[in-house]
Protein backbone atom coordinates (compact mmCIF):
# COMPACT_ATOMS: atom_id res chain seq x y z
CA MET A 1 28.44 -25.81 25.36
CA ASP A 2 25.37 -26.91 27.40
CA GLN A 3 24.58 -30.60 26.93
CA LYS A 4 21.08 -30.01 25.57
CA LEU A 5 22.42 -27.49 23.09
CA LYS A 6 25.02 -30.03 22.00
CA ILE A 7 22.31 -32.60 21.39
CA PHE A 8 20.19 -30.09 19.53
CA TYR A 9 23.18 -29.08 17.43
CA ILE A 10 23.97 -32.67 16.45
CA PHE A 11 20.32 -33.41 15.74
CA MET A 12 20.00 -30.37 13.50
CA CYS A 13 23.27 -31.15 11.71
CA LEU A 14 22.41 -34.78 11.06
CA THR A 15 18.88 -33.99 9.91
CA VAL A 16 18.30 -30.45 8.75
CA PHE A 17 21.67 -29.78 7.13
CA SER A 18 22.36 -33.23 5.67
CA ILE A 19 18.88 -34.31 4.63
CA ASN A 20 15.32 -33.02 4.76
CA ARG A 21 14.10 -32.79 8.37
CA SER A 22 11.07 -35.00 7.92
CA HIS A 23 13.12 -37.58 6.03
CA ALA A 24 15.71 -38.08 8.72
CA SER A 25 13.98 -40.57 10.92
CA PHE A 26 13.06 -42.95 8.12
CA ILE A 27 16.71 -43.65 7.33
CA GLN A 28 17.26 -47.03 8.93
CA THR A 29 19.98 -47.06 11.57
CA GLY A 30 19.13 -50.18 13.55
CA GLY A 31 20.68 -53.61 13.61
CA SER A 32 23.29 -55.47 15.59
CA ALA A 33 26.96 -54.78 16.14
CA ARG A 34 27.64 -57.28 13.35
CA LEU A 35 25.88 -55.13 10.77
CA LYS A 36 27.44 -51.91 12.09
CA GLY A 37 30.87 -53.51 12.40
CA MET A 38 30.78 -54.42 8.70
CA GLY A 39 30.14 -50.85 7.59
CA ASP A 40 26.34 -51.19 7.60
CA VAL A 41 26.43 -53.06 4.27
CA SER A 42 22.80 -54.15 3.85
CA VAL A 43 23.46 -57.07 1.48
CA SER A 44 25.52 -58.73 4.24
CA ALA A 45 22.60 -58.68 6.70
CA THR A 46 21.00 -61.98 7.71
CA GLY A 47 18.13 -62.84 10.05
CA VAL A 48 17.18 -60.09 12.51
CA ASP A 49 19.76 -57.70 11.01
CA ALA A 50 17.94 -57.83 7.69
CA ILE A 51 14.82 -56.38 9.35
CA PHE A 52 16.77 -53.10 9.50
CA ALA A 53 18.49 -53.50 6.12
CA ASN A 54 17.58 -55.54 3.02
CA PRO A 55 14.34 -57.33 4.05
CA ALA A 56 15.01 -60.30 1.76
CA GLY A 57 17.86 -61.30 4.11
CA ILE A 58 15.48 -62.58 6.80
CA LEU A 59 15.02 -65.66 4.60
CA ARG A 60 18.66 -66.64 5.18
CA VAL A 61 17.82 -68.17 8.57
CA ARG A 62 15.85 -71.41 8.88
CA SER A 63 15.01 -71.28 12.59
CA LEU A 64 13.65 -68.76 15.07
CA GLU A 65 16.04 -65.86 15.70
CA ALA A 66 15.83 -62.93 18.10
CA GLY A 67 18.23 -60.08 18.78
CA PHE A 68 18.62 -56.88 20.79
CA ALA A 69 21.08 -54.04 20.24
CA TYR A 70 22.01 -51.03 22.36
CA SER A 71 24.13 -48.10 21.23
CA PRO A 72 25.21 -44.97 23.15
CA LEU A 73 25.87 -42.40 20.44
CA TYR A 74 28.59 -39.76 20.51
CA THR A 75 30.92 -39.51 23.47
CA GLY A 76 29.64 -37.53 26.45
CA LEU A 77 26.10 -36.95 25.21
CA ASN A 78 22.87 -38.49 26.45
CA ILE A 79 21.83 -40.02 23.13
CA GLN A 80 21.07 -43.70 22.68
CA LYS A 81 19.65 -46.07 20.14
CA ASN A 82 17.97 -49.42 20.77
CA SER A 83 16.60 -52.07 18.45
CA PHE A 84 14.90 -55.44 18.76
CA GLY A 85 14.16 -57.97 16.05
CA LEU A 86 12.43 -61.34 15.80
CA VAL A 87 12.37 -63.67 12.79
CA LEU A 88 9.75 -66.41 12.61
CA PRO A 89 10.34 -69.08 9.92
CA PHE A 90 7.45 -70.81 8.16
CA SER A 91 7.30 -73.37 5.39
CA SER A 92 6.89 -70.94 2.50
CA LEU A 93 8.04 -67.61 3.96
CA ASN A 94 9.72 -65.91 6.91
CA ILE A 95 8.16 -63.14 9.00
CA GLY A 96 10.24 -60.46 10.71
CA LEU A 97 9.11 -58.08 13.47
CA GLY A 98 11.25 -55.15 14.57
CA TRP A 99 11.38 -52.13 16.87
CA LEU A 100 13.83 -49.25 16.52
CA ASN A 101 14.14 -46.55 19.19
CA PHE A 102 16.17 -43.34 19.17
CA ASP A 103 16.16 -41.34 22.38
CA ALA A 104 17.72 -38.04 23.53
CA ASP A 105 16.81 -35.37 26.06
CA ILE A 106 15.00 -33.29 23.46
CA TYR A 107 13.88 -35.82 20.88
CA SER A 108 12.60 -39.38 20.64
CA GLU A 109 11.28 -41.70 17.99
CA ASN A 110 9.98 -45.25 17.73
CA THR A 111 9.72 -47.20 14.50
CA PHE A 112 7.74 -50.44 14.32
CA ILE A 113 8.59 -52.81 11.47
CA PHE A 114 6.82 -55.74 9.83
CA THR A 115 8.69 -57.76 7.20
CA GLY A 116 7.86 -60.73 5.01
CA ALA A 117 10.19 -62.65 2.66
CA TRP A 118 9.78 -65.61 0.34
CA LYS A 119 11.43 -67.45 -2.60
CA PRO A 120 9.67 -66.95 -5.94
CA VAL A 121 12.42 -69.08 -7.54
CA PRO A 122 15.14 -71.19 -5.81
CA GLN A 123 17.96 -68.68 -6.38
CA MET A 124 16.04 -65.54 -5.42
CA TYR A 125 14.82 -64.08 -2.12
CA VAL A 126 12.25 -61.27 -2.15
CA GLY A 127 11.35 -59.19 0.90
CA VAL A 128 8.78 -56.48 1.60
CA LYS A 129 8.90 -54.25 4.66
CA TYR A 130 6.35 -51.93 6.27
CA ARG A 131 7.56 -49.23 8.72
CA PHE A 132 5.47 -47.07 11.04
CA LEU A 133 7.14 -44.11 12.74
CA ILE A 134 6.14 -42.19 15.88
CA GLN A 135 8.32 -39.11 16.42
CA LYS A 136 8.30 -36.55 19.23
CA ILE A 137 10.34 -33.39 19.79
CA MET A 138 10.40 -31.93 23.32
CA LEU A 139 12.23 -28.64 22.76
CA THR A 140 10.45 -25.35 22.11
CA GLU A 141 13.29 -24.07 19.92
CA ALA A 142 12.91 -27.06 17.61
CA VAL A 143 9.21 -26.42 17.12
CA SER A 144 9.93 -22.75 16.39
CA GLU A 145 12.32 -23.89 13.64
CA GLY A 146 9.38 -25.50 11.85
CA ILE A 147 9.84 -29.10 12.97
CA ASP A 148 6.59 -30.81 13.94
CA GLU A 149 6.39 -31.50 17.67
CA ASN A 150 4.66 -34.82 16.99
CA LEU A 151 4.82 -36.77 13.76
CA THR A 152 3.74 -40.16 12.44
CA GLY A 153 4.43 -41.74 9.10
CA HIS A 154 4.45 -44.92 7.02
CA CYS A 155 6.91 -46.41 4.54
CA ILE A 156 7.16 -49.46 2.29
CA ASP A 157 10.57 -50.94 1.36
CA ILE A 158 11.42 -53.75 -1.08
CA GLY A 159 14.55 -55.90 -1.28
CA ILE A 160 15.86 -58.71 -3.48
CA ILE A 161 18.81 -61.05 -2.98
CA TYR A 162 19.95 -63.29 -5.83
CA LYS A 163 22.30 -66.24 -5.29
CA ILE A 164 24.76 -66.10 -8.19
CA LYS A 165 26.65 -68.98 -6.60
CA GLU A 166 26.39 -70.74 -3.25
CA PHE A 167 28.52 -68.12 -1.46
CA LEU A 168 28.19 -65.19 -3.88
CA HIS A 169 25.07 -63.06 -3.43
CA PHE A 170 23.87 -59.94 -5.21
CA GLY A 171 21.36 -57.68 -3.49
CA ILE A 172 19.26 -54.65 -4.34
CA ASN A 173 16.84 -52.76 -2.14
CA ALA A 174 14.69 -49.67 -2.33
CA ASP A 175 14.01 -47.80 0.93
CA SER A 176 10.87 -45.65 1.18
CA LEU A 177 9.66 -46.73 -2.24
CA LEU A 178 6.22 -45.74 -0.99
CA SER A 179 5.77 -43.17 1.77
CA SER A 180 3.00 -41.23 3.45
CA ASN A 181 3.10 -37.45 3.60
CA LEU A 182 5.33 -36.55 6.56
CA ALA A 183 4.41 -32.86 6.79
CA ARG A 184 1.47 -31.21 8.53
CA GLU A 185 1.59 -28.41 5.98
CA GLY A 186 2.64 -28.90 2.40
CA THR A 187 4.09 -32.13 1.07
CA GLU A 188 7.21 -33.96 2.23
CA TYR A 189 7.99 -37.62 1.75
CA ALA A 190 10.67 -39.88 3.16
CA GLU A 191 13.90 -39.91 1.24
CA ARG A 192 14.19 -42.70 -1.31
CA ILE A 193 17.41 -44.70 -1.12
CA PHE A 194 18.34 -47.26 -3.78
CA THR A 195 21.13 -49.72 -2.99
CA ALA A 196 22.98 -52.43 -4.91
CA GLY A 197 25.72 -54.64 -3.47
CA VAL A 198 27.44 -58.00 -3.35
CA SER A 199 28.65 -60.31 -0.59
CA TYR A 200 31.06 -63.20 -0.99
CA ARG A 201 32.00 -65.87 1.53
CA TYR A 202 35.48 -67.31 1.02
CA MET A 203 36.85 -70.39 2.76
CA PRO A 204 40.68 -70.14 2.79
CA ALA A 205 42.28 -73.55 2.44
CA GLY A 206 45.68 -72.42 3.69
CA ILE A 207 44.54 -70.85 6.99
CA SER A 208 43.39 -73.63 9.29
CA PHE A 209 42.10 -71.45 12.13
CA VAL A 210 39.84 -69.30 9.87
CA ARG A 211 36.59 -71.03 8.94
CA TYR A 212 35.56 -68.40 6.42
CA LEU A 213 35.91 -64.76 5.39
CA THR A 214 33.02 -62.60 4.21
CA PHE A 215 33.62 -59.65 1.90
CA ALA A 216 30.74 -57.23 1.27
CA GLY A 217 30.32 -53.95 -0.56
CA GLU A 218 27.52 -51.79 -1.87
CA LEU A 219 26.69 -48.45 -3.42
CA SER A 220 23.64 -46.41 -2.40
CA TYR A 221 21.90 -43.57 -4.21
CA HIS A 222 20.32 -40.99 -1.86
CA SER A 223 17.67 -38.85 -3.53
CA GLU A 224 17.83 -35.97 -1.03
CA GLN A 225 21.49 -35.67 -0.01
CA GLU A 226 24.21 -33.50 -1.46
CA ASP A 227 26.45 -36.56 -1.76
CA ARG A 228 24.07 -38.72 -3.74
CA LEU A 229 26.32 -41.79 -4.04
CA VAL A 230 27.44 -43.47 -0.79
CA PRO A 231 29.81 -46.48 -0.93
CA LYS A 232 30.15 -49.00 1.93
CA ILE A 233 32.49 -51.93 2.49
CA GLY A 234 32.80 -54.61 5.14
CA LEU A 235 34.94 -57.61 6.07
CA GLU A 236 34.25 -60.42 8.54
CA SER A 237 36.53 -63.25 9.72
CA VAL A 238 35.03 -66.26 11.52
CA SER A 239 37.23 -68.80 13.32
CA GLY A 240 36.18 -71.95 15.14
CA SER A 241 33.20 -74.25 14.69
CA GLU A 242 29.51 -73.73 13.94
CA LYS A 243 28.75 -73.84 17.68
CA LEU A 244 31.74 -71.97 19.08
CA SER A 245 33.35 -69.17 17.07
CA LEU A 246 35.49 -66.05 17.41
CA ILE A 247 34.54 -63.29 14.98
CA LEU A 248 36.40 -60.14 13.89
CA ARG A 249 34.94 -57.39 11.69
CA THR A 250 35.78 -54.06 10.13
CA GLY A 251 34.10 -51.72 7.68
CA TYR A 252 33.61 -48.22 6.35
CA GLY A 253 30.52 -46.32 5.23
CA ARG A 254 28.93 -42.86 5.51
CA ASN A 255 32.15 -41.35 6.96
CA VAL A 256 32.21 -43.98 9.74
CA ILE A 257 35.10 -46.36 10.37
CA SER A 258 34.00 -49.47 12.27
CA LEU A 259 35.61 -52.49 13.87
CA GLY A 260 34.81 -55.00 16.57
CA PRO A 261 34.74 -58.62 17.77
CA GLY A 262 32.03 -61.17 18.37
CA ILE A 263 31.63 -64.55 20.09
CA LEU A 264 29.24 -67.32 19.09
CA PHE A 265 28.44 -69.87 21.80
CA TYR A 266 25.84 -72.55 21.02
CA GLY A 267 23.34 -70.31 19.26
CA ILE A 268 24.00 -67.17 21.32
CA THR A 269 26.08 -64.45 19.66
CA VAL A 270 27.48 -61.47 21.58
CA ASP A 271 28.89 -58.68 19.40
CA TYR A 272 30.53 -55.30 19.87
CA ALA A 273 31.33 -52.56 17.35
CA TYR A 274 33.37 -49.38 17.75
CA LEU A 275 32.28 -46.61 15.38
CA TYR A 276 34.24 -43.46 14.65
CA ASN A 277 32.73 -40.69 12.52
CA ILE A 278 35.59 -38.83 10.85
CA LYS A 279 33.38 -35.80 10.14
CA ILE A 280 32.36 -35.08 13.77
CA GLU A 281 35.29 -33.82 15.83
CA ASP A 282 35.74 -34.63 19.54
CA ILE A 283 32.43 -36.49 19.96
CA GLY A 284 32.46 -38.71 16.87
CA THR A 285 32.78 -42.00 18.80
CA SER A 286 29.88 -44.43 19.22
CA HIS A 287 29.55 -48.00 20.48
CA VAL A 288 27.14 -50.80 19.59
CA MET A 289 26.54 -53.86 21.79
CA SER A 290 24.18 -56.64 20.77
CA VAL A 291 23.00 -60.12 21.69
CA LYS A 292 21.39 -62.55 19.25
CA TYR A 293 19.84 -65.97 19.77
CA ASN A 294 19.33 -68.51 17.00
CA ALA A 295 17.38 -71.69 17.80
CA PHE A 296 19.44 -73.87 15.48
């Protein structure tokens, strides 16, 4: 099959046949290899990762944090995804700025994100996120199928994280709670996704070389998909000190098995995640590479 036709086929499968075409791009797929390596569990996201997941999570960092991620999607195809995030801490709230880019030969999109999070009470983090999408399709066949050649849209998301205990957190978030009309003709809105999950950090006393383990899981309700309920799970092991650590992760969510390592070196974290989609034969492999800096 010609490469452009392959890309068009995947794009149509992932958007038209799984969810409404105009909804597709507002499903958040950014974030670092840490988030992807843990099954994309949003309640586990902290700092810049939370810009692309539960926005309340940006309040989990107390110093400036910046991160960039790059991901070539699906073996042998010219499809890539990039994201950048920046968290700015202030006395009463944190501000997060993000950019998410998806690029292929026939299609491209850019999403710009603004996030704010604060503590209304000591045990609770609340985050609000605004997303602005610019989408472009460069293939005549796609336009003839009824997909807008150019499209812009807006969304508002809300997230809450509650600290049940010091290392036990419960999170809920609503994606596309408010959305602009994404259709030139008629009415189409971004798909609403409601998620609830927990994350728990465990410090094993009997394993000296493991500093802590993080277990995370969540369940999402998708308003527009055939499979409405989507479970995700993730596990992370961190060994070493706060300044120098070796990290291992694995997870599963949305038919994707993930695993990968990471290294923390004095505020700089380099992560990698291998993703395998069990529903896409032959070309179901993707990779995510990311770098994050925390000015601790």
